[in-house]
Structures are given as C-alpha cells and as structure tokens.
Amino acid sequence: MSAESPAADYAGAEKQRLSETRSIDYIPPSERHGHPFSQFTLWFGGNLQITAIVTGALAVVLGGDVVWSIIGLLVGQVVGATIMSLHAIQGPRLGLPQMITSRMQFGVYGAVIPLVLVCIMYVGFSASGTVLAGQALAKLINSSNASGMILFSAIIVVIAVLGYRVIHKLGKVASVIGVLAFVYLFITLLSTHDLSAVWQNQHFTVANFLLAVSLSSSWQIAFCPYVSDYSRYLPANVSAKKLFSCVFFGTVLGTQASMTLGVIVAAIAGKAFSGNEVGYIVSLGSSATMAMVIYFAICFGKITFTTLNAYGSFMSLTTIVSGFRQKTSLSRGGRILFVVLMVTISCVIALISEPAFLKSFTHFLLFLLAFFVPWSAISLTDFYLITKGKVDVPALSQPNGRYGRWNWAGIIVYFCGVLVQLPFIDNPLHHGSLTWIFAGNDVSWIIGWFVTALLWLAARKFDRRGMLAHSVYPNQ
C-alpha cells in the first residue's frame, strides 16, 4: 500500500460524507476537492430569488425608469462582483474561511471588530429572506405568515448544520428550479403586458442612476465576507482565472436576471407592488397550480440564499469565540447551538419587522456599504499587493504569535475608511454634510474603498507584521 493511500481514503470518505466536519479550521490538501463550476451554480442559483427581485424593484419604486435602472444595476453588478470574485480566490489559496483571515490585518482579538458587523449583516439578510420566504411558505401550507417564517427557519437550521456539501448541492438544484421559474415569469410578462410604454418612459437622472448602481454593488459586496467560505475546499492550485470567471458570471447573471425582473414588475405594478411583493409576483401565474409552483420556487430559492447567511453567521460567531478561546475548531454540539442562536434571532426580527420590511431593508442594504467597503479594501490590498497570499495559519489562533492580539494599524485604517465615507453618505439613516458636492448623490463607497486601500498601503510600509517568504501550515 502506498504512503498516499490513507490520505486518499480519507479524502474519499470526506467526499461521501453528507455532514461537514470542519468549521473554521484549515482545510488540508487531502480534503480538497471540486471544480470551479460549482461556484457558478451556487451563486447563479442563489441569486435567482425573491429578495434580489425586490432589490431591483427598488430602483423603480424610488423614482428610476426601467431602461436606466437596468443599466445602472448592471454597472453595479460588474463593479461589486469583481471585488467579490477577487475575495473568492482567497479561499483555495489560503484554505481558510473568509473572516478568520482578517486576523492577519486586525490581530487575533482585533478581528472581532469587523466580525461583529458581519454577524449583524447576516442576521439582517436572513431576517429579510425569512419575511419573504415565510409569506410564500404560508401560502403553500395554508397557514399564517408567522407559522411560515418559523417553519422556514427550522429548515434553514437543518441545512446550515449539515454544512458546505449540502449547500452546494442545493445551489445546483436551485439553479435548475430558478431558471425554469424565471423563464416562465419573463414569458408571462412579455405575453400578457404591453411593455412599450414602460420602455419608452425614460427620464435619466444622475441620482437615480447612482442609486441603481449602489443597490446592486452593495448586494454583491455584501457577499464578500463569506464568499471564500464556499471556495476554500477547492484544490489550492485551482486556476484563479477559472474561479474568478465562475463566481463573477454566476453572481452577475443570476442577480441581474432577478433585478431586471423586479424592475419590470415594479414599473408595471406601480403602487400595487410595495407591501405585496410576493403576492404580486405570484399573481403572474396563469392558474392556481402555477401560483403554487411559483410559491414553491420562491421558497426554494430563499432556502439556498438564507442558508448561506446562516452558515456564514455560524462561521463568524465561531471565529469570534475561537479567537478568545484559542481554538481552531468547534464541536458538533457547539455548531448546532450557534446556528440555532443566529437563525432564531433572524426569525424574531422577521416576525417583528414584517410590515415595514421593504423600507427598512432598503436603508439597511445601502448603509452596509460604509462598514464592509473598508474591510474589503484592506483584505484585498493585503492579499494581492503586500503578503501575496502568504499566511502563518497556526499564528491565526495565537494571540501572542506573529499577528498579535490587536493590530492597531489595521484597526485605525479601518475606522478611517468608515469615517471618510460618512460626509458623502445620503441615506435615511445618515445624511452626510458633503453630499452637495455630488449633487446629493451617494458615492461614499467608491471614495471609501480607494482611500482605505491607499491608507493600508502606506501603513504597511511601517508595519511589516506577517510578511513571510513562505506560508506556514499546521502539522497534518
């Protein structure tokens, strides 16, 4: 028997195992598997869903026209998906979940700062998904919306506990179901409505165009804190070009299809759409049977997307706790506890906020940019321009090690990146004092990304912490 057989046997067993055994720990070469195309199906299928439809509709609901809203949304997809896809490459290169790598820039304890904000984001997205999926599930089982939300949350717990492999399998199925449902909806729209007036009603304004760009770019950038969680099992030498392309085109095509449908539906429906998003989409079905099929498609699409958030929240919470406990893994009981905790919080928020969902979700989605753009700029600049992907994996769990407890250079640059955006944010949650320079248009996320990247490059000239000639991995 060759020396490589035990590792090969172990890898084969892992491939057959339904439930994931790893958490935030390093994925050794013996357990790496898969093909970049799995990333395409995951992000394509995951974005063919109702929340993306509603987000696209916001561009029209808030004053935009159809043509320029669709163009603006596409521009934002390309910008946001480029950043997201660059993060995806970090997964197989480092073999680690996304947020634990932040310890390289913030310190073992300092990484808790962006992690807490990421957890809040996950809870918010999960709550919004629970609202819409709960409404659809309630129709399917003929129950109240509250019952639908609770049942949907229970399903999410089971899938998130099972983990990585099941999520990818769901992504493949969701791609098929999503394509069929969206083809039907588009055909229905084209055959039952005269869209000529909708296309001809063009009233370009810079403000509405940039709103559409911000909606879609924030949607994509919000994936950045967990995108490499789903690519970290790929072989370390996987083609960066192929991986980038699969993630990029998967997320752009899926999201743009959903948001385009949302734009057209909102333009046709007018005021009838807001507050009745799920009901109006389902009303496009030509029969009661088709209505039930659409309800099912909505539920299934949201299962994939909300599971991503539940799994991501579990990974982030585990990373927070492990940083102080100096552990690199989590027991199955702890995994279940963390998943149940995060999903329960999301469900409670969904139950409380359902009537005001559309308005609150809009503000939440756009305001997220201020906190994740600086983190993304620091992470990508460090990975591609400074450390070149070299990491000391054991030191990520050692407060007294190479990366230290708190990296004040990273923390200060991060908060500078947040602060520099505040004067340029135009959001109901915060009105910046300098938005008049851009005629009231919110360009804060663009300013924040480039300023933070430049600050981090400057800071790293004085702080050479973590600079390695070769990566250091744990003993396998």
Protein backbone atom coordinates (compact mmCIF):
# COMPACT_ATOMS: atom_id res chain seq x y z
CA MET A 1 0.00 0.00 0.00
CA SER A 2 1.39 3.41 -0.95
CA ALA A 3 2.09 6.13 1.59
CA GLU A 4 -0.57 8.28 -0.05
CA SER A 5 -3.38 5.77 0.35
CA PRO A 6 -4.58 6.78 3.84
CA ALA A 7 -4.92 10.39 2.76
CA ALA A 8 -6.67 9.36 -0.44
CA ASP A 9 -9.02 7.10 1.52
CA TYR A 10 -9.77 9.92 3.94
CA ALA A 11 -10.46 12.35 1.11
CA GLY A 12 -12.79 9.81 -0.49
CA ALA A 13 -14.68 9.39 2.78
CA GLU A 14 -15.00 13.15 3.18
CA LYS A 15 -16.43 13.46 -0.31
CA GLN A 16 -19.14 10.95 0.57
CA ARG A 17 -19.93 12.47 3.96
CA LEU A 18 -23.14 14.49 3.94
CA SER A 19 -22.46 16.43 7.12
CA GLU A 20 -19.43 18.75 7.23
CA THR A 21 -16.85 18.04 9.93
CA ARG A 22 -14.71 21.17 9.54
CA SER A 23 -15.60 24.60 10.84
CA ILE A 24 -13.10 27.49 10.79
CA ASP A 25 -10.00 25.30 10.73
CA TYR A 26 -7.57 24.97 7.84
CA ILE A 27 -8.59 22.58 5.04
CA PRO A 28 -5.61 20.29 4.33
CA PRO A 29 -4.73 19.22 0.76
CA SER A 30 -6.05 15.70 1.37
CA GLU A 31 -9.58 17.09 1.78
CA ARG A 32 -9.56 19.48 -1.16
CA HIS A 33 -11.90 18.61 -4.00
CA GLY A 34 -14.33 20.01 -6.51
CA HIS A 35 -14.36 22.16 -9.64
CA PRO A 36 -14.76 25.94 -10.02
CA PHE A 37 -18.05 25.41 -11.86
CA SER A 38 -19.64 24.55 -8.51
CA GLN A 39 -19.16 28.22 -7.66
CA PHE A 40 -21.11 29.25 -10.75
CA THR A 41 -24.15 27.12 -9.84
CA LEU A 42 -24.03 28.22 -6.21
CA TRP A 43 -24.03 31.96 -6.92
CA PHE A 44 -26.23 31.76 -10.02
CA GLY A 45 -28.92 29.70 -8.31
CA GLY A 46 -28.56 31.52 -5.01
CA ASN A 47 -29.32 34.86 -6.65
CA LEU A 48 -32.34 33.75 -8.65
CA GLN A 49 -34.62 34.60 -5.76
CA ILE A 50 -37.26 36.96 -4.44
CA THR A 51 -35.06 39.30 -2.37
CA ALA A 52 -32.96 40.12 -5.43
CA ILE A 53 -36.18 40.79 -7.35
CA VAL A 54 -37.35 43.18 -4.64
CA THR A 55 -33.95 44.89 -4.53
CA GLY A 56 -34.04 45.50 -8.27
CA ALA A 57 -37.59 46.81 -7.98
CA LEU A 58 -36.40 49.44 -5.51
CA ALA A 59 -34.62 51.26 -8.32
CA VAL A 60 -38.05 51.96 -9.86
CA VAL A 61 -40.01 52.25 -6.61
CA LEU A 62 -37.63 55.02 -5.53
CA GLY A 63 -38.02 57.03 -8.75
CA GLY A 64 -35.96 55.49 -11.57
CA ASP A 65 -37.14 54.45 -15.03
CA VAL A 66 -36.82 50.95 -16.49
CA VAL A 67 -34.02 51.39 -19.03
CA TRP A 68 -31.56 53.40 -16.95
CA SER A 69 -32.34 51.37 -13.82
CA ILE A 70 -31.41 48.14 -15.62
CA ILE A 71 -28.21 49.72 -16.97
CA GLY A 72 -27.29 51.15 -13.58
CA LEU A 73 -27.93 47.81 -11.88
CA LEU A 74 -25.68 46.05 -14.42
CA VAL A 75 -22.86 48.56 -13.84
CA GLY A 76 -23.13 47.98 -10.10
CA GLN A 77 -23.14 44.19 -10.60
CA VAL A 78 -19.89 44.32 -12.56
CA VAL A 79 -18.12 46.52 -10.01
CA GLY A 80 -19.37 44.63 -6.95
CA ALA A 81 -18.90 41.16 -8.48
CA THR A 82 -15.31 41.98 -9.44
CA ILE A 83 -14.49 42.72 -5.80
CA MET A 84 -16.44 39.67 -4.64
CA SER A 85 -14.70 37.32 -7.11
CA LEU A 86 -11.27 38.53 -6.02
CA HIS A 87 -12.22 37.52 -2.47
CA ALA A 88 -13.34 34.08 -3.72
CA ILE A 89 -9.79 33.32 -4.89
CA GLN A 90 -8.58 33.73 -1.29
CA GLY A 91 -10.49 30.57 -0.28
CA PRO A 92 -8.48 27.86 -2.07
CA ARG A 93 -5.22 29.79 -1.83
CA LEU A 94 -5.41 30.05 1.97
CA GLY A 95 -7.66 27.06 2.76
CA LEU A 96 -9.47 29.15 5.35
CA PRO A 97 -12.88 30.79 5.84
CA GLN A 98 -13.02 34.43 4.80
CA MET A 99 -13.25 36.28 8.08
CA ILE A 100 -10.64 34.37 10.06
CA THR A 101 -8.04 35.73 7.63
CA SER A 102 -8.87 39.20 8.95
CA ARG A 103 -6.70 38.32 11.94
CA MET A 104 -3.73 38.94 9.65
CA GLN A 105 -4.69 42.61 9.35
CA PHE A 106 -6.52 43.27 12.65
CA GLY A 107 -4.92 40.85 15.12
CA VAL A 108 -6.43 37.75 16.72
CA TYR A 109 -8.66 39.83 19.01
CA GLY A 110 -8.93 42.89 16.77
CA ALA A 111 -10.65 40.86 14.02
CA VAL A 112 -13.70 40.77 16.28
CA ILE A 113 -14.48 44.36 15.19
CA PRO A 114 -15.41 43.58 11.57
CA LEU A 115 -16.73 40.17 12.61
CA VAL A 116 -19.42 41.66 14.85
CA LEU A 117 -20.56 43.88 11.99
CA VAL A 118 -20.60 40.87 9.66
CA CYS A 119 -22.81 38.97 12.10
CA ILE A 120 -25.24 41.90 12.15
CA MET A 121 -25.30 41.82 8.35
CA TYR A 122 -26.03 38.09 8.27
CA VAL A 123 -28.87 38.49 10.72
CA GLY A 124 -30.35 41.33 8.66
CA PHE A 125 -30.21 39.44 5.38
CA SER A 126 -31.55 36.28 6.99
CA ALA A 127 -34.43 38.23 8.51
CA SER A 128 -35.35 39.76 5.15
CA GLY A 129 -35.25 36.36 3.49
CA THR A 130 -37.35 34.86 6.25
CA VAL A 131 -40.04 37.51 5.73
CA LEU A 132 -40.45 36.81 2.02
CA ALA A 133 -39.97 33.03 2.14
CA GLY A 134 -42.27 32.78 5.16
CA GLN A 135 -45.03 34.53 3.23
CA ALA A 136 -44.63 32.11 0.32
CA LEU A 137 -44.42 29.03 2.55
CA ALA A 138 -47.52 30.16 4.44
CA LYS A 139 -49.45 30.09 1.16
CA LEU A 140 -48.16 26.62 0.34
CA ILE A 141 -49.20 25.10 3.66
CA ASN A 142 -52.25 27.33 4.14
CA SER A 143 -51.11 28.85 7.42
CA SER A 144 -50.28 32.25 8.88
CA ASN A 145 -47.20 34.20 7.81
CA ALA A 146 -45.74 33.74 11.28
CA SER A 147 -46.06 29.97 11.02
CA GLY A 148 -44.45 30.06 7.61
CA MET A 149 -41.49 32.04 8.94
CA ILE A 150 -40.97 29.70 11.88
CA LEU A 151 -41.11 26.57 9.69
CA PHE A 152 -38.77 28.15 7.15
CA SER A 153 -36.28 28.99 9.93
CA ALA A 154 -36.36 25.37 11.12
CA ILE A 155 -35.47 24.17 7.62
CA ILE A 156 -32.57 26.62 7.47
CA VAL A 157 -31.19 25.33 10.78
CA VAL A 158 -31.05 21.74 9.49
CA ILE A 159 -29.29 22.64 6.24
CA ALA A 160 -26.82 25.05 7.84
CA VAL A 161 -25.85 22.43 10.43
CA LEU A 162 -25.14 19.90 7.65
CA GLY A 163 -22.90 22.49 6.02
CA TYR A 164 -20.77 23.01 2.94
CA ARG A 165 -21.59 20.00 0.77
CA VAL A 166 -25.37 20.16 1.19
CA ILE A 167 -25.33 23.91 0.46
CA HIS A 168 -23.52 23.32 -2.83
CA LYS A 169 -25.97 20.57 -3.80
CA LEU A 170 -28.85 22.93 -3.08
CA GLY A 171 -27.19 25.54 -5.27
CA LYS A 172 -27.25 23.16 -8.23
CA VAL A 173 -30.92 22.30 -7.74
CA ALA A 174 -31.80 25.95 -7.16
CA SER A 175 -30.16 26.85 -10.48
CA VAL A 176 -32.47 24.50 -12.38
CA ILE A 177 -35.63 25.49 -10.49
CA GLY A 178 -34.73 29.17 -10.68
CA VAL A 179 -34.12 29.14 -14.43
CA LEU A 180 -37.43 27.38 -15.11
CA ALA A 181 -39.37 29.75 -12.84
CA PHE A 182 -37.74 32.88 -14.26
CA VAL A 183 -38.23 31.80 -17.88
CA TYR A 184 -41.92 31.29 -17.13
CA LEU A 185 -42.24 34.66 -15.40
CA PHE A 186 -40.47 36.55 -18.20
CA ILE A 187 -42.59 34.85 -20.86
CA THR A 188 -45.73 35.66 -18.89
CA LEU A 189 -44.75 39.32 -18.60
CA LEU A 190 -44.00 39.63 -22.30
CA SER A 191 -47.15 37.83 -23.42
CA THR A 192 -49.69 39.40 -21.07
CA HIS A 193 -48.49 43.00 -20.79
CA ASP A 194 -47.76 45.75 -23.29
CA LEU A 195 -44.27 46.84 -22.29
CA SER A 196 -43.83 49.50 -24.96
CA ALA A 197 -44.94 52.33 -22.67
CA VAL A 198 -42.60 51.05 -19.94
CA TRP A 199 -39.57 51.08 -22.26
CA GLN A 200 -40.39 54.48 -23.71
CA ASN A 201 -40.74 56.16 -20.32
CA GLN A 202 -37.11 57.25 -19.95
CA HIS A 203 -36.09 60.01 -17.55
CA PHE A 204 -32.39 59.78 -16.78
CA THR A 205 -31.10 61.46 -13.65
CA VAL A 206 -27.67 61.01 -12.13
CA ALA A 207 -29.18 60.47 -8.68
CA ASN A 208 -31.46 57.60 -9.75
CA PHE A 209 -28.72 56.03 -11.88
CA LEU A 210 -26.24 56.04 -8.99
CA LEU A 211 -28.94 54.67 -6.69
CA ALA A 212 -29.30 51.66 -9.01
CA VAL A 213 -25.52 51.25 -9.13
CA SER A 214 -25.32 51.38 -5.33
CA LEU A 215 -28.17 48.89 -4.88
CA SER A 216 -26.52 46.20 -6.98
CA SER A 217 -22.92 46.87 -5.96
CA SER A 218 -23.88 46.75 -2.27
CA TRP A 219 -25.70 43.49 -2.94
CA GLN A 220 -22.51 41.94 -4.36
CA ILE A 221 -20.10 43.47 -1.83
CA ALA A 222 -22.26 42.11 0.99
CA PHE A 223 -21.22 38.60 -0.15
CA CYS A 224 -17.53 39.39 0.30
CA PRO A 225 -17.28 38.45 4.00
CA TYR A 226 -18.26 34.85 3.23
CA VAL A 227 -17.63 34.14 -0.46
CA SER A 228 -14.39 32.23 0.18
CA ASP A 229 -16.14 30.08 2.79
CA TYR A 230 -17.62 28.25 -0.19
CA SER A 231 -14.43 28.04 -2.25
CA ARG A 232 -11.98 27.00 0.46
CA TYR A 233 -12.40 23.26 -0.24
CA LEU A 234 -11.22 23.65 -3.84
CA PRO A 235 -7.65 22.47 -4.61
CA ALA A 236 -5.04 25.09 -3.70
CA ASN A 237 -3.72 25.17 -7.28
CA VAL A 238 -7.12 25.76 -8.89
CA SER A 239 -6.99 28.24 -11.77
CA ALA A 240 -7.58 31.75 -10.42
CA LYS A 241 -8.93 32.80 -13.82
CA LYS A 242 -11.47 29.98 -13.93
CA LEU A 243 -12.54 30.50 -10.34
CA PHE A 244 -12.90 34.26 -10.83
CA SER A 245 -14.95 33.72 -14.01
CA CYS A 246 -17.28 31.17 -12.43
CA VAL A 247 -18.04 33.33 -9.40
CA PHE A 248 -18.27 36.53 -11.43
CA PHE A 249 -20.58 35.30 -14.17
CA GLY A 250 -22.64 33.20 -11.77
CA THR A 251 -23.42 36.06 -9.45
CA VAL A 252 -23.80 38.72 -12.19
CA LEU A 253 -26.12 36.66 -14.41
CA GLY A 254 -28.24 35.38 -11.53
CA THR A 255 -28.59 38.73 -9.80
CA GLN A 256 -29.12 40.77 -12.97
CA ALA A 257 -31.88 38.40 -14.13
CA SER A 258 -33.64 38.76 -10.78
CA MET A 259 -33.23 42.52 -10.55
CA THR A 260 -34.30 43.06 -14.17
CA LEU A 261 -37.48 41.12 -13.46
CA GLY A 262 -38.00 43.27 -10.38
CA VAL A 263 -37.55 46.48 -12.36
CA ILE A 264 -40.10 45.46 -15.00
CA VAL A 265 -42.64 44.14 -12.48
CA ALA A 266 -42.39 47.28 -10.33
CA ALA A 267 -42.85 49.51 -13.40
CA ILE A 268 -45.98 47.59 -14.45
CA ALA A 269 -47.45 47.23 -10.98
CA GLY A 270 -46.87 50.77 -9.74
CA LYS A 271 -48.03 51.26 -6.15
CA ALA A 272 -49.56 47.76 -6.08
CA PHE A 273 -46.09 46.21 -5.71
CA SER A 274 -44.84 47.82 -2.49
CA GLY A 275 -46.01 45.85 0.52
CA ASN A 276 -47.27 42.97 -1.63
CA GLU A 277 -44.04 41.84 -3.30
CA VAL A 278 -44.57 38.09 -3.02
CA GLY A 279 -48.28 38.25 -3.79
CA TYR A 280 -47.81 40.32 -6.93
CA ILE A 281 -45.05 38.07 -8.32
CA VAL A 282 -47.20 35.01 -7.73
CA SER A 283 -50.21 36.68 -9.37
CA LEU A 284 -48.32 36.41 -12.66
CA GLY A 285 -49.14 32.70 -12.60
CA SER A 286 -51.91 31.86 -15.06
CA SER A 287 -53.60 29.36 -12.77
CA ALA A 288 -53.84 28.28 -9.15
CA THR A 289 -51.48 25.42 -9.91
CA MET A 290 -48.85 27.73 -11.39
CA ALA A 291 -49.26 30.07 -8.43
CA MET A 292 -48.36 27.19 -6.11
CA VAL A 293 -45.38 26.32 -8.31
CA ILE A 294 -44.14 29.92 -8.08
CA TYR A 295 -44.62 29.91 -4.31
CA PHE A 296 -42.51 26.75 -4.18
CA ALA A 297 -39.81 28.31 -6.39
CA ILE A 298 -39.69 31.37 -4.10
CA CYS A 299 -39.31 29.18 -1.02
CA PHE A 300 -36.62 27.01 -2.55
CA GLY A 301 -34.65 29.99 -3.84
CA LYS A 302 -34.72 31.59 -0.42
CA ILE A 303 -33.61 28.35 1.26
CA THR A 304 -30.30 28.48 -0.63
CA PHE A 305 -29.67 32.18 -0.01
CA THR A 306 -30.76 32.25 3.63
CA THR A 307 -28.71 29.12 4.33
CA LEU A 308 -25.64 30.97 3.04
CA ASN A 309 -26.31 33.66 5.64
CA ALA A 310 -26.99 31.18 8.44
CA TYR A 311 -23.83 29.23 7.64
CA GLY A 312 -21.86 32.46 7.38
CA SER A 313 -23.17 33.68 10.72
CA PHE A 314 -22.15 30.39 12.33
CA MET A 315 -18.64 30.70 10.86
CA SER A 316 -18.28 34.31 12.01
CA LEU A 317 -19.58 33.66 15.52
CA THR A 318 -17.25 30.66 15.78
CA THR A 319 -14.34 32.85 14.68
CA ILE A 320 -15.19 35.44 17.35
CA VAL A 321 -15.38 32.87 20.15
CA SER A 322 -12.35 30.87 18.99
CA GLY A 323 -10.18 33.98 18.96
CA PHE A 324 -10.53 34.36 22.71
CA ARG A 325 -10.54 30.63 23.47
CA GLN A 326 -7.56 29.95 21.16
CA LYS A 327 -9.28 27.04 19.43
CA THR A 328 -9.38 26.24 15.73
CA SER A 329 -12.47 24.02 15.64
CA LEU A 330 -15.92 23.64 17.16
CA SER A 331 -17.78 20.60 18.46
CA ARG A 332 -20.93 19.45 16.68
CA GLY A 333 -22.99 20.49 19.70
CA GLY A 334 -21.47 23.96 19.59
CA ARG A 335 -22.12 24.15 15.85
CA ILE A 336 -25.80 23.36 16.34
CA LEU A 337 -26.07 25.85 19.21
CA PHE A 338 -24.52 28.70 17.22
CA VAL A 339 -26.67 28.03 14.13
CA VAL A 340 -29.87 27.84 16.19
CA LEU A 341 -28.96 31.06 18.02
CA MET A 342 -28.35 33.11 14.87
CA VAL A 343 -31.35 31.75 12.96
CA THR A 344 -33.63 32.34 15.98
CA ILE A 345 -32.53 35.98 16.22
CA SER A 346 -33.22 36.44 12.49
CA CYS A 347 -36.64 34.81 12.81
CA VAL A 348 -37.63 37.05 15.73
CA ILE A 349 -36.57 40.17 13.81
CA ALA A 350 -38.56 38.96 10.79
CA LEU A 351 -41.69 38.42 12.89
CA ILE A 352 -41.41 41.88 14.43
CA SER A 353 -40.47 43.87 11.32
CA GLU A 354 -42.63 42.26 8.62
CA PRO A 355 -44.99 45.23 8.00
CA ALA A 356 -42.11 47.66 7.41
CA PHE A 357 -39.89 45.21 5.54
CA LEU A 358 -39.34 47.00 2.21
CA LYS A 359 -38.45 50.39 3.68
CA SER A 360 -36.19 49.12 6.45
CA PHE A 361 -34.43 46.64 4.17
CA THR A 362 -33.60 49.37 1.65
CA HIS A 363 -31.92 51.54 4.26
CA PHE A 364 -30.13 48.56 5.77
CA LEU A 365 -28.76 47.31 2.45
CA LEU A 366 -27.33 50.66 1.37
CA PHE A 367 -25.88 51.57 4.77
CA LEU A 368 -23.97 48.26 4.88
CA LEU A 369 -21.51 49.59 2.33
CA ALA A 370 -19.93 52.01 4.78
CA PHE A 371 -18.74 49.15 7.01
CA PHE A 372 -17.73 46.47 4.52
CA VAL A 373 -16.01 48.54 1.86
CA PRO A 374 -13.03 49.42 4.17
CA TRP A 375 -12.68 45.81 5.32
CA SER A 376 -12.73 44.60 1.71
CA ALA A 377 -10.15 47.18 0.64
CA ILE A 378 -7.78 46.18 3.45
CA SER A 379 -8.22 42.45 2.82
CA LEU A 380 -7.69 42.54 -0.95
CA THR A 381 -4.84 45.06 -0.84
CA ASP A 382 -3.03 42.98 1.76
CA PHE A 383 -3.58 39.69 -0.07
CA TYR A 384 -2.73 40.76 -3.62
CA LEU A 385 -0.19 43.56 -3.14
CA ILE A 386 1.53 43.02 0.22
CA THR A 387 1.58 39.47 1.63
CA LYS A 388 1.00 37.83 -1.78
CA GLY A 389 -1.18 35.21 -0.09
CA LYS A 390 1.49 34.06 2.37
CA VAL A 391 -0.02 33.20 5.76
CA ASP A 392 1.07 31.64 9.05
CA VAL A 393 -2.02 29.52 9.74
CA PRO A 394 -1.14 28.41 13.32
CA ALA A 395 -0.42 32.03 14.28
CA LEU A 396 -4.01 32.98 13.42
CA SER A 397 -5.03 31.27 16.67
CA GLN A 398 -2.14 32.56 18.80
CA PRO A 399 -2.75 35.96 20.46
CA ASN A 400 0.95 36.10 21.38
CA GLY A 401 2.05 34.97 17.94
CA ARG A 402 3.01 36.66 14.69
CA TYR A 403 -0.23 38.63 14.24
CA GLY A 404 -0.67 39.66 17.89
CA ARG A 405 -3.80 40.41 19.87
CA TRP A 406 -4.61 43.79 18.33
CA ASN A 407 -3.11 45.22 15.15
CA TRP A 408 -3.77 48.90 15.72
CA ALA A 409 -2.57 49.84 12.24
CA GLY A 410 -5.34 47.75 10.68
CA ILE A 411 -7.96 48.89 13.17
CA ILE A 412 -7.15 52.59 12.74
CA VAL A 413 -7.11 52.35 8.93
CA TYR A 414 -10.44 50.51 9.03
CA PHE A 415 -12.15 53.20 11.10
CA CYS A 416 -10.60 55.92 8.93
CA GLY A 417 -12.15 54.13 5.96
CA VAL A 418 -15.55 54.23 7.64
CA LEU A 419 -15.22 57.86 8.75
CA VAL A 420 -14.10 59.14 5.36
CA GLN A 421 -17.37 57.88 3.90
CA LEU A 422 -19.73 59.49 6.41
CA PRO A 423 -19.73 63.01 4.87
CA PHE A 424 -20.68 61.53 1.48
CA ILE A 425 -23.45 59.12 2.55
CA ASP A 426 -27.00 60.04 1.59
CA ASN A 427 -29.22 57.60 3.44
CA PRO A 428 -32.26 57.97 5.73
CA LEU A 429 -30.06 56.52 8.46
CA HIS A 430 -27.37 59.16 7.89
CA HIS A 431 -27.20 62.32 5.77
CA GLY A 432 -23.63 63.38 5.05
CA SER A 433 -22.70 67.06 5.09
CA LEU A 434 -20.76 66.95 1.81
CA THR A 435 -23.24 65.15 -0.45
CA TRP A 436 -23.95 68.50 -2.13
CA ILE A 437 -20.59 68.25 -3.88
CA PHE A 438 -22.00 65.38 -5.96
CA ALA A 439 -25.47 66.92 -6.31
CA GLY A 440 -26.86 64.79 -3.50
CA ASN A 441 -25.63 61.52 -4.98
CA ASP A 442 -24.12 58.87 -2.72
CA VAL A 443 -20.61 57.97 -3.92
CA SER A 444 -19.28 57.25 -0.44
CA TRP A 445 -18.46 53.59 -1.14
CA ILE A 446 -16.20 54.48 -4.08
CA ILE A 447 -14.32 57.06 -2.00
CA GLY A 448 -14.11 54.68 0.96
CA TRP A 449 -12.63 51.78 -0.99
CA PHE A 450 -9.81 53.70 -2.67
CA VAL A 451 -8.93 55.86 0.34
CA THR A 452 -8.75 52.79 2.61
CA ALA A 453 -6.61 50.86 0.11
CA LEU A 454 -4.14 53.76 -0.14
CA LEU A 455 -4.02 54.20 3.64
CA TRP A 456 -3.33 50.50 4.13
CA LEU A 457 -0.53 50.51 1.56
CA ALA A 458 1.03 53.46 3.40
CA ALA A 459 0.57 51.86 6.83
CA ARG A 460 2.20 48.61 5.73
CA LYS A 461 5.40 50.43 4.82
CA PHE A 462 5.92 50.96 8.56
CA ASP A 463 4.24 47.82 9.89
CA ARG A 464 5.79 44.70 8.29
CA ARG A 465 3.96 42.30 10.59
CA GLY A 466 3.09 39.00 8.94
CA MET A 467 5.45 39.35 5.98
CA LEU A 468 6.57 35.82 5.03
CA ALA A 469 8.65 34.22 2.32
CA HIS A 470 6.51 31.07 2.50
CA SER A 471 3.22 30.13 4.13
CA VAL A 472 3.27 28.16 7.37
CA TYR A 473 0.68 25.37 7.75
CA PRO A 474 -0.33 23.25 10.74
CA ASN A 475 1.13 19.75 11.03
CA GLN A 476 -1.15 17.32 9.27
